[in-house]
Amino acid sequence: MKMSEPGSALTRRGFASAFALLVAAGALAGCVVAPRRGAVVAVRPPPPRYEAPPPPPSERMVWDPGRWQWDGHDYRWVPGHYVERPYRDARWEPGHWAERNGGWVWVEGHWER
């Protein structure tokens, strides 16, 4: 029996291996991989989208606007959400994309006094 003959053990093993590889690649294609902290993205992010925030669930909650997140190939939109104020006078400084080192880096949001 030749190796390429249909029904041979080698052909079945090759098909099974190729199928397993295809399934694994498909599963990984849906994964979103955030760039490591401080990583420079060469592609400029799109302009932010406007989202009308819903009413806050409590007085301690502050709206954190949505943002574009780099997934390693393209940007995808992450909707805004509420974050809880850690102390009374805390002011939320939203995250933003900043131009640095010939590309773009994400600067995390943080609380200020």
C-alpha atoms as a PDB file:
ATOM      1  CA  MET A   1       0.000   0.000   0.000  1.00  0.00           C
ATOM      2  CA  LYS A   2       1.360   3.429  -0.952  1.00  0.00           C
ATOM      3  CA  MET A   3       1.500   6.226   1.659  1.00  0.00           C
ATOM      4  CA  SER A   4      -0.846   8.446  -0.325  1.00  0.00           C
ATOM      5  CA  GLU A   5      -3.374   5.731  -1.058  1.00  0.00           C
ATOM      6  CA  PRO A   6      -6.788   6.608   0.373  1.00  0.00           C
ATOM      7  CA  GLY A   7      -7.618   4.620   3.501  1.00  0.00           C
ATOM      8  CA  SER A   8      -3.990   4.042   4.484  1.00  0.00           C
ATOM      9  CA  ALA A   9      -3.032   4.458   8.149  1.00  0.00           C
ATOM     10  CA  LEU A  10      -0.675   7.322   7.311  1.00  0.00           C
ATOM     11  CA  THR A  11      -3.407   9.224   5.462  1.00  0.00           C
ATOM     12  CA  ARG A  12      -5.859   8.756   8.357  1.00  0.00           C
ATOM     13  CA  ARG A  13      -3.209   9.934  10.871  1.00  0.00           C
ATOM     14  CA  GLY A  14      -2.352  12.911   8.675  1.00  0.00           C
ATOM     15  CA  PHE A  15      -6.019  13.821   8.385  1.00  0.00           C
ATOM     16  CA  ALA A  16      -6.547  13.491  12.156  1.00  0.00           C
ATOM     17  CA  SER A  17      -3.496  15.676  12.841  1.00  0.00           C
ATOM     18  CA  ALA A  18      -4.586  18.311  10.340  1.00  0.00           C
ATOM     19  CA  PHE A  19      -8.123  18.310  11.781  1.00  0.00           C
ATOM     20  CA  ALA A  20      -6.802  18.714  15.362  1.00  0.00           C
ATOM     21  CA  LEU A  21      -4.585  21.591  14.246  1.00  0.00           C
ATOM     22  CA  LEU A  22      -7.510  23.262  12.469  1.00  0.00           C
ATOM     23  CA  VAL A  23      -9.743  22.952  15.567  1.00  0.00           C
ATOM     24  CA  ALA A  24      -7.002  24.388  17.814  1.00  0.00           C
ATOM     25  CA  ALA A  25      -6.388  27.297  15.418  1.00  0.00           C
ATOM     26  CA  GLY A  26     -10.118  28.037  15.312  1.00  0.00           C
ATOM     27  CA  ALA A  27     -10.342  28.081  19.097  1.00  0.00           C
ATOM     28  CA  LEU A  28      -7.365  30.410  19.383  1.00  0.00           C
ATOM     29  CA  ALA A  29      -8.720  32.746  16.704  1.00  0.00           C
ATOM     30  CA  GLY A  30     -11.480  33.831  19.097  1.00  0.00           C
ATOM     31  CA  CYS A  31      -9.047  34.650  21.897  1.00  0.00           C
ATOM     32  CA  VAL A  32      -8.277  38.267  22.648  1.00  0.00           C
ATOM     33  CA  VAL A  33      -4.707  38.858  23.693  1.00  0.00           C
ATOM     34  CA  ALA A  34      -4.077  42.218  25.306  1.00  0.00           C
ATOM     35  CA  PRO A  35      -0.635  43.645  24.614  1.00  0.00           C
ATOM     36  CA  ARG A  36       1.781  43.453  27.521  1.00  0.00           C
ATOM     37  CA  ARG A  37       1.947  46.548  29.682  1.00  0.00           C
ATOM     38  CA  GLY A  38       3.888  49.297  27.920  1.00  0.00           C
ATOM     39  CA  ALA A  39       3.809  47.480  24.562  1.00  0.00           C
ATOM     40  CA  VAL A  40       3.868  49.800  21.563  1.00  0.00           C
ATOM     41  CA  VAL A  41       1.157  49.233  18.937  1.00  0.00           C
ATOM     42  CA  ALA A  42       2.128  50.498  15.476  1.00  0.00           C
ATOM     43  CA  VAL A  43      -1.488  51.086  14.356  1.00  0.00           C
ATOM     44  CA  ARG A  44      -3.230  54.281  15.494  1.00  0.00           C
ATOM     45  CA  PRO A  45      -6.456  53.545  17.432  1.00  0.00           C
ATOM     46  CA  PRO A  46      -9.775  54.706  15.964  1.00  0.00           C
ATOM     47  CA  PRO A  47     -11.433  57.737  17.571  1.00  0.00           C
ATOM     48  CA  PRO A  48     -13.363  56.872  20.763  1.00  0.00           C
ATOM     49  CA  ARG A  49     -17.062  56.082  20.406  1.00  0.00           C
ATOM     50  CA  TYR A  50     -19.573  58.098  22.374  1.00  0.00           C
ATOM     51  CA  GLU A  51     -21.620  56.059  24.828  1.00  0.00           C
ATOM     52  CA  ALA A  52     -24.396  57.639  26.881  1.00  0.00           C
ATOM     53  CA  PRO A  53     -23.849  56.227  30.359  1.00  0.00           C
ATOM     54  CA  PRO A  54     -26.866  54.679  32.045  1.00  0.00           C
ATOM     55  CA  PRO A  55     -27.883  56.097  35.426  1.00  0.00           C
ATOM     56  CA  PRO A  56     -25.306  55.187  38.101  1.00  0.00           C
ATOM     57  CA  PRO A  57     -26.249  52.287  40.374  1.00  0.00           C
ATOM     58  CA  SER A  58     -25.157  54.362  43.415  1.00  0.00           C
ATOM     59  CA  GLU A  59     -23.470  57.643  44.325  1.00  0.00           C
ATOM     60  CA  ARG A  60     -20.174  55.802  44.805  1.00  0.00           C
ATOM     61  CA  MET A  61     -20.047  54.689  41.165  1.00  0.00           C
ATOM     62  CA  VAL A  62     -18.238  56.631  38.420  1.00  0.00           C
ATOM     63  CA  TRP A  63     -18.527  55.995  34.667  1.00  0.00           C
ATOM     64  CA  ASP A  64     -15.407  54.621  32.976  1.00  0.00           C
ATOM     65  CA  PRO A  65     -15.916  55.241  29.230  1.00  0.00           C
ATOM     66  CA  GLY A  66     -15.484  52.509  26.641  1.00  0.00           C
ATOM     67  CA  ARG A  67     -12.194  52.118  24.814  1.00  0.00           C
ATOM     68  CA  TRP A  68     -10.492  50.486  21.878  1.00  0.00           C
ATOM     69  CA  GLN A  69      -8.437  47.429  22.871  1.00  0.00           C
ATOM     70  CA  TRP A  70      -5.693  46.009  20.648  1.00  0.00           C
ATOM     71  CA  ASP A  71      -6.052  42.226  20.200  1.00  0.00           C
ATOM     72  CA  GLY A  72      -2.769  41.667  18.398  1.00  0.00           C
ATOM     73  CA  HIS A  73      -4.255  42.170  14.920  1.00  0.00           C
ATOM     74  CA  ASP A  74      -6.893  44.880  15.158  1.00  0.00           C
ATOM     75  CA  TYR A  75      -8.765  47.062  17.613  1.00  0.00           C
ATOM     76  CA  ARG A  76     -12.028  45.911  19.181  1.00  0.00           C
ATOM     77  CA  TRP A  77     -14.428  48.063  21.200  1.00  0.00           C
ATOM     78  CA  VAL A  78     -14.757  47.421  24.945  1.00  0.00           C
ATOM     79  CA  PRO A  79     -17.934  49.076  26.300  1.00  0.00           C
ATOM     80  CA  GLY A  80     -17.832  51.497  29.221  1.00  0.00           C
ATOM     81  CA  HIS A  81     -18.802  50.457  32.739  1.00  0.00           C
ATOM     82  CA  TYR A  82     -19.113  51.840  36.253  1.00  0.00           C
ATOM     83  CA  VAL A  83     -16.242  51.670  38.752  1.00  0.00           C
ATOM     84  CA  GLU A  84     -16.610  52.175  42.478  1.00  0.00           C
ATOM     85  CA  ARG A  85     -15.038  55.280  44.000  1.00  0.00           C
ATOM     86  CA  PRO A  86     -12.522  54.167  46.683  1.00  0.00           C
ATOM     87  CA  TYR A  87     -12.978  57.300  48.816  1.00  0.00           C
ATOM     88  CA  ARG A  88     -15.246  60.339  48.842  1.00  0.00           C
ATOM     89  CA  ASP A  89     -13.094  62.897  46.963  1.00  0.00           C
ATOM     90  CA  ALA A  90     -11.524  60.466  44.490  1.00  0.00           C
ATOM     91  CA  ARG A  91     -11.641  61.561  40.857  1.00  0.00           C
ATOM     92  CA  TRP A  92     -11.455  58.979  38.048  1.00  0.00           C
ATOM     93  CA  GLU A  93      -8.930  59.704  35.290  1.00  0.00           C
ATOM     94  CA  PRO A  94      -9.996  57.441  32.372  1.00  0.00           C
ATOM     95  CA  GLY A  95      -7.449  55.379  30.467  1.00  0.00           C
ATOM     96  CA  HIS A  96      -6.339  56.600  27.060  1.00  0.00           C
ATOM     97  CA  TRP A  97      -4.087  55.805  24.111  1.00  0.00           C
ATOM     98  CA  ALA A  98      -0.920  57.921  24.009  1.00  0.00           C
ATOM     99  CA  GLU A  99       1.519  58.319  21.122  1.00  0.00           C
ATOM    100  CA  ARG A 100       4.991  57.133  22.184  1.00  0.00           C
ATOM    101  CA  ASN A 101       8.101  55.635  20.617  1.00  0.00           C
ATOM    102  CA  GLY A 102       6.712  55.792  17.086  1.00  0.00           C
ATOM    103  CA  GLY A 103       3.472  54.006  18.018  1.00  0.00           C
ATOM    104  CA  TRP A 104       0.637  53.897  20.540  1.00  0.00           C
ATOM    105  CA  VAL A 105       0.541  52.678  24.152  1.00  0.00           C
ATOM    106  CA  TRP A 106      -2.435  52.219  26.474  1.00  0.00           C
ATOM    107  CA  VAL A 107      -2.279  54.280  29.684  1.00  0.00           C
ATOM    108  CA  GLU A 108      -4.502  52.672  32.341  1.00  0.00           C
ATOM    109  CA  GLY A 109      -7.215  54.677  34.085  1.00  0.00           C
ATOM    110  CA  HIS A 110      -6.562  55.589  37.710  1.00  0.00           C
ATOM    111  CA  TRP A 111      -7.916  57.452  40.723  1.00  0.00           C
ATOM    112  CA  GLU A 112      -6.651  60.917  41.674  1.00  0.00           C
ATOM    113  CA  ARG A 113      -7.255  63.031  44.759  1.00  0.00           C
END
